[in-house]
């Protein structure tokens, strides 16, 4: 009887985990499709508060806003979500999003591959956490260039 109970619990938890991973992946994909389209059109839509609130964690939005308010801000050398200076609409079809993988603390990591110039791809790790019952981006790391923008380093806000 105990074996049956443990088996049922394992199956239920496995299903819940698979569903959570798919939700994180789906959120990352929806964000990047909307964001890249807005970013490549050179409109302010990529930074629309509604878009960011829907897909990006509140503490990440707050931190990015604090950094943008700095005089002579040099923390963000490129767009935080793409690690690029600009984005060409012809690169959007090359977007590839892989399934989410578990990370410590109940978070998820989604591997994102952005199309870039010369048919190349930029590999990003997109860290997501569950906030208000939705998976939201809270950290983005450029795997291709082994770089992460130091937005959570408190010293970047120091005068």
C-alpha atoms as a PDB file:
ATOM      1  CA  UNK A   1       0.000   0.000   0.000  1.00  0.00           C
ATOM      2  CA  UNK A   2       2.838   2.401   0.817  1.00  0.00           C
ATOM      3  CA  UNK A   3       4.475   1.652  -2.514  1.00  0.00           C
ATOM      4  CA  UNK A   4       1.254   2.484  -4.313  1.00  0.00           C
ATOM      5  CA  UNK A   5       0.895   5.728  -2.357  1.00  0.00           C
ATOM      6  CA  UNK A   6       4.481   6.800  -3.123  1.00  0.00           C
ATOM      7  CA  UNK A   7       3.999   5.927  -6.792  1.00  0.00           C
ATOM      8  CA  UNK A   8       0.842   8.061  -7.007  1.00  0.00           C
ATOM      9  CA  UNK A   9       2.556  10.975  -5.240  1.00  0.00           C
ATOM     10  CA  UNK A  10       5.549  10.681  -7.583  1.00  0.00           C
ATOM     11  CA  UNK A  11       3.348  10.664 -10.680  1.00  0.00           C
ATOM     12  CA  UNK A  12       1.324  13.669  -9.502  1.00  0.00           C
ATOM     13  CA  UNK A  13       4.431  15.676  -8.623  1.00  0.00           C
ATOM     14  CA  UNK A  14       6.039  14.770 -11.959  1.00  0.00           C
ATOM     15  CA  UNK A  15       2.995  16.050 -13.823  1.00  0.00           C
ATOM     16  CA  UNK A  16       2.976  19.271 -11.811  1.00  0.00           C
ATOM     17  CA  UNK A  17       6.696  19.790 -12.487  1.00  0.00           C
ATOM     18  CA  UNK A  18       6.277  19.217 -16.235  1.00  0.00           C
ATOM     19  CA  UNK A  19       3.395  21.676 -16.331  1.00  0.00           C
ATOM     20  CA  UNK A  20       5.402  24.321 -14.449  1.00  0.00           C
ATOM     21  CA  UNK A  21       8.320  23.931 -16.850  1.00  0.00           C
ATOM     22  CA  UNK A  22       6.080  24.329 -19.859  1.00  0.00           C
ATOM     23  CA  UNK A  23       4.513  27.450 -18.366  1.00  0.00           C
ATOM     24  CA  UNK A  24       7.930  29.047 -17.857  1.00  0.00           C
ATOM     25  CA  UNK A  25       8.920  28.155 -21.417  1.00  0.00           C
ATOM     26  CA  UNK A  26       5.634  29.502 -22.816  1.00  0.00           C
ATOM     27  CA  UNK A  27       6.028  32.766 -20.892  1.00  0.00           C
ATOM     28  CA  UNK A  28       9.612  33.214 -22.115  1.00  0.00           C
ATOM     29  CA  UNK A  29       8.554  32.518 -25.691  1.00  0.00           C
ATOM     30  CA  UNK A  30       5.599  34.910 -25.540  1.00  0.00           C
ATOM     31  CA  UNK A  31       7.818  37.620 -24.052  1.00  0.00           C
ATOM     32  CA  UNK A  32      10.587  37.307 -26.628  1.00  0.00           C
ATOM     33  CA  UNK A  33       8.171  37.225 -29.575  1.00  0.00           C
ATOM     34  CA  UNK A  34       6.459  40.420 -28.410  1.00  0.00           C
ATOM     35  CA  UNK A  35       9.648  42.090 -27.209  1.00  0.00           C
ATOM     36  CA  UNK A  36      11.725  41.424 -30.333  1.00  0.00           C
ATOM     37  CA  UNK A  37       8.934  42.635 -32.570  1.00  0.00           C
ATOM     38  CA  UNK A  38       8.616  45.870 -30.597  1.00  0.00           C
ATOM     39  CA  UNK A  39      12.379  46.303 -30.254  1.00  0.00           C
ATOM     40  CA  UNK A  40      13.012  45.832 -33.967  1.00  0.00           C
ATOM     41  CA  UNK A  41      10.354  48.372 -34.884  1.00  0.00           C
ATOM     42  CA  UNK A  42      12.284  51.043 -32.945  1.00  0.00           C
ATOM     43  CA  UNK A  43       9.162  51.895 -30.981  1.00  0.00           C
ATOM     44  CA  UNK A  44       8.848  52.346 -27.252  1.00  0.00           C
ATOM     45  CA  UNK A  45       6.670  49.225 -27.161  1.00  0.00           C
ATOM     46  CA  UNK A  46       9.554  47.018 -26.030  1.00  0.00           C
ATOM     47  CA  UNK A  47       9.735  49.010 -22.812  1.00  0.00           C
ATOM     48  CA  UNK A  48       6.006  49.386 -22.337  1.00  0.00           C
ATOM     49  CA  UNK A  49       5.145  49.056 -18.651  1.00  0.00           C
ATOM     50  CA  UNK A  50       2.295  46.663 -19.471  1.00  0.00           C
ATOM     51  CA  UNK A  51       4.573  44.310 -21.427  1.00  0.00           C
ATOM     52  CA  UNK A  52       7.264  44.373 -18.767  1.00  0.00           C
ATOM     53  CA  UNK A  53       4.802  43.860 -15.882  1.00  0.00           C
ATOM     54  CA  UNK A  54       3.306  40.862 -17.644  1.00  0.00           C
ATOM     55  CA  UNK A  55       6.597  39.059 -18.263  1.00  0.00           C
ATOM     56  CA  UNK A  56       9.313  40.526 -16.014  1.00  0.00           C
ATOM     57  CA  UNK A  57       9.663  40.226 -12.242  1.00  0.00           C
ATOM     58  CA  UNK A  58       8.874  43.371 -10.276  1.00  0.00           C
ATOM     59  CA  UNK A  59      12.298  43.564  -8.624  1.00  0.00           C
ATOM     60  CA  UNK A  60      14.006  43.327 -12.023  1.00  0.00           C
ATOM     61  CA  UNK A  61      11.838  46.105 -13.462  1.00  0.00           C
ATOM     62  CA  UNK A  62      12.547  48.245 -10.406  1.00  0.00           C
ATOM     63  CA  UNK A  63      16.286  47.670 -10.713  1.00  0.00           C
ATOM     64  CA  UNK A  64      16.354  48.453 -14.450  1.00  0.00           C
ATOM     65  CA  UNK A  65      14.391  51.666 -13.822  1.00  0.00           C
ATOM     66  CA  UNK A  66      16.829  52.688 -11.087  1.00  0.00           C
ATOM     67  CA  UNK A  67      19.763  52.104 -13.418  1.00  0.00           C
ATOM     68  CA  UNK A  68      18.153  54.062 -16.268  1.00  0.00           C
ATOM     69  CA  UNK A  69      17.752  57.038 -13.892  1.00  0.00           C
ATOM     70  CA  UNK A  70      21.491  57.189 -13.205  1.00  0.00           C
ATOM     71  CA  UNK A  71      23.340  60.088 -14.816  1.00  0.00           C
ATOM     72  CA  UNK A  72      25.912  58.756 -17.264  1.00  0.00           C
ATOM     73  CA  UNK A  73      24.560  55.243 -16.825  1.00  0.00           C
ATOM     74  CA  UNK A  74      27.192  52.766 -18.004  1.00  0.00           C
ATOM     75  CA  UNK A  75      25.878  49.610 -16.355  1.00  0.00           C
ATOM     76  CA  UNK A  76      23.787  48.552 -19.333  1.00  0.00           C
ATOM     77  CA  UNK A  77      26.033  48.506 -22.368  1.00  0.00           C
ATOM     78  CA  UNK A  78      23.265  46.878 -24.394  1.00  0.00           C
ATOM     79  CA  UNK A  79      19.617  45.925 -24.076  1.00  0.00           C
ATOM     80  CA  UNK A  80      19.278  43.756 -20.954  1.00  0.00           C
ATOM     81  CA  UNK A  81      16.947  41.149 -22.481  1.00  0.00           C
ATOM     82  CA  UNK A  82      18.849  40.663 -25.749  1.00  0.00           C
ATOM     83  CA  UNK A  83      22.389  41.815 -24.981  1.00  0.00           C
ATOM     84  CA  UNK A  84      22.321  43.707 -28.267  1.00  0.00           C
ATOM     85  CA  UNK A  85      22.425  47.353 -29.312  1.00  0.00           C
ATOM     86  CA  UNK A  86      19.583  46.977 -31.796  1.00  0.00           C
ATOM     87  CA  UNK A  87      17.581  44.202 -33.372  1.00  0.00           C
ATOM     88  CA  UNK A  88      16.743  43.500 -37.005  1.00  0.00           C
ATOM     89  CA  UNK A  89      13.231  42.172 -37.770  1.00  0.00           C
ATOM     90  CA  UNK A  90      14.708  39.635 -40.215  1.00  0.00           C
ATOM     91  CA  UNK A  91      16.363  37.863 -37.262  1.00  0.00           C
ATOM     92  CA  UNK A  92      13.088  37.169 -35.412  1.00  0.00           C
ATOM     93  CA  UNK A  93      12.251  33.892 -37.237  1.00  0.00           C
ATOM     94  CA  UNK A  94      15.504  32.398 -35.891  1.00  0.00           C
ATOM     95  CA  UNK A  95      14.233  32.694 -32.297  1.00  0.00           C
ATOM     96  CA  UNK A  96      14.437  29.330 -30.540  1.00  0.00           C
ATOM     97  CA  UNK A  97      13.210  28.629 -27.016  1.00  0.00           C
ATOM     98  CA  UNK A  98      14.037  25.359 -25.258  1.00  0.00           C
ATOM     99  CA  UNK A  99      12.118  23.678 -22.456  1.00  0.00           C
ATOM    100  CA  UNK A 100      12.565  25.056 -18.956  1.00  0.00           C
ATOM    101  CA  UNK A 101      14.872  23.284 -16.550  1.00  0.00           C
ATOM    102  CA  UNK A 102      14.685  23.457 -12.763  1.00  0.00           C
ATOM    103  CA  UNK A 103      16.992  25.809 -10.906  1.00  0.00           C
ATOM    104  CA  UNK A 104      17.606  26.155  -7.158  1.00  0.00           C
ATOM    105  CA  UNK A 105      14.832  27.720  -5.113  1.00  0.00           C
ATOM    106  CA  UNK A 106      11.968  26.511  -7.305  1.00  0.00           C
ATOM    107  CA  UNK A 107      13.019  28.697 -10.191  1.00  0.00           C
ATOM    108  CA  UNK A 108      13.316  27.718 -13.849  1.00  0.00           C
ATOM    109  CA  UNK A 109      15.971  28.381 -16.491  1.00  0.00           C
ATOM    110  CA  UNK A 110      14.985  28.670 -20.146  1.00  0.00           C
ATOM    111  CA  UNK A 111      17.614  28.489 -22.884  1.00  0.00           C
ATOM    112  CA  UNK A 112      16.877  31.149 -25.496  1.00  0.00           C
ATOM    113  CA  UNK A 113      18.623  31.428 -28.861  1.00  0.00           C
ATOM    114  CA  UNK A 114      18.239  34.747 -30.660  1.00  0.00           C
ATOM    115  CA  UNK A 115      18.962  35.194 -34.311  1.00  0.00           C
ATOM    116  CA  UNK A 116      21.694  37.758 -34.901  1.00  0.00           C
ATOM    117  CA  UNK A 117      23.738  39.040 -37.844  1.00  0.00           C
ATOM    118  CA  UNK A 118      25.276  36.702 -40.437  1.00  0.00           C
ATOM    119  CA  UNK A 119      22.838  33.888 -39.573  1.00  0.00           C
ATOM    120  CA  UNK A 120      24.451  33.360 -36.174  1.00  0.00           C
ATOM    121  CA  UNK A 121      22.695  32.824 -32.856  1.00  0.00           C
ATOM    122  CA  UNK A 122      23.146  34.412 -29.465  1.00  0.00           C
ATOM    123  CA  UNK A 123      22.602  31.969 -26.592  1.00  0.00           C
ATOM    124  CA  UNK A 124      20.941  33.394 -23.478  1.00  0.00           C
ATOM    125  CA  UNK A 125      19.971  31.806 -20.179  1.00  0.00           C
ATOM    126  CA  UNK A 126      16.714  33.302 -18.992  1.00  0.00           C
ATOM    127  CA  UNK A 127      16.086  32.754 -15.293  1.00  0.00           C
ATOM    128  CA  UNK A 128      12.443  32.780 -14.289  1.00  0.00           C
ATOM    129  CA  UNK A 129      10.630  32.797 -10.994  1.00  0.00           C
ATOM    130  CA  UNK A 130       7.020  32.360 -10.094  1.00  0.00           C
ATOM    131  CA  UNK A 131       5.529  35.709  -9.115  1.00  0.00           C
ATOM    132  CA  UNK A 132       1.804  36.242  -8.638  1.00  0.00           C
ATOM    133  CA  UNK A 133       1.151  32.736 -10.065  1.00  0.00           C
ATOM    134  CA  UNK A 134       2.979  33.596 -13.320  1.00  0.00           C
ATOM    135  CA  UNK A 135       6.473  32.764 -14.467  1.00  0.00           C
ATOM    136  CA  UNK A 136       8.425  35.975 -14.907  1.00  0.00           C
ATOM    137  CA  UNK A 137      11.927  36.815 -16.081  1.00  0.00           C
ATOM    138  CA  UNK A 138      14.185  38.047 -13.340  1.00  0.00           C
ATOM    139  CA  UNK A 139      17.659  37.517 -14.744  1.00  0.00           C
ATOM    140  CA  UNK A 140      19.215  37.154 -18.209  1.00  0.00           C
ATOM    141  CA  UNK A 141      22.722  35.871 -18.875  1.00  0.00           C
ATOM    142  CA  UNK A 142      24.621  35.958 -22.199  1.00  0.00           C
ATOM    143  CA  UNK A 143      26.059  32.439 -22.497  1.00  0.00           C
ATOM    144  CA  UNK A 144      27.657  33.046 -25.898  1.00  0.00           C
ATOM    145  CA  UNK A 145      29.951  35.740 -24.516  1.00  0.00           C
ATOM    146  CA  UNK A 146      30.022  34.433 -20.929  1.00  0.00           C
ATOM    147  CA  UNK A 147      28.715  37.736 -19.576  1.00  0.00           C
ATOM    148  CA  UNK A 148      26.004  38.906 -17.249  1.00  0.00           C
ATOM    149  CA  UNK A 149      25.083  42.536 -16.801  1.00  0.00           C
ATOM    150  CA  UNK A 150      25.610  43.475 -13.130  1.00  0.00           C
ATOM    151  CA  UNK A 151      22.152  44.944 -12.551  1.00  0.00           C
ATOM    152  CA  UNK A 152      21.844  43.348  -9.112  1.00  0.00           C
ATOM    153  CA  UNK A 153      25.222  44.588  -7.904  1.00  0.00           C
ATOM    154  CA  UNK A 154      24.389  47.282  -5.334  1.00  0.00           C
ATOM    155  CA  UNK A 155      27.624  49.109  -6.059  1.00  0.00           C
ATOM    156  CA  UNK A 156      26.321  50.099  -9.521  1.00  0.00           C
ATOM    157  CA  UNK A 157      23.768  52.360  -7.842  1.00  0.00           C
ATOM    158  CA  UNK A 158      26.303  53.999  -5.566  1.00  0.00           C
ATOM    159  CA  UNK A 159      27.080  57.642  -6.418  1.00  0.00           C
END
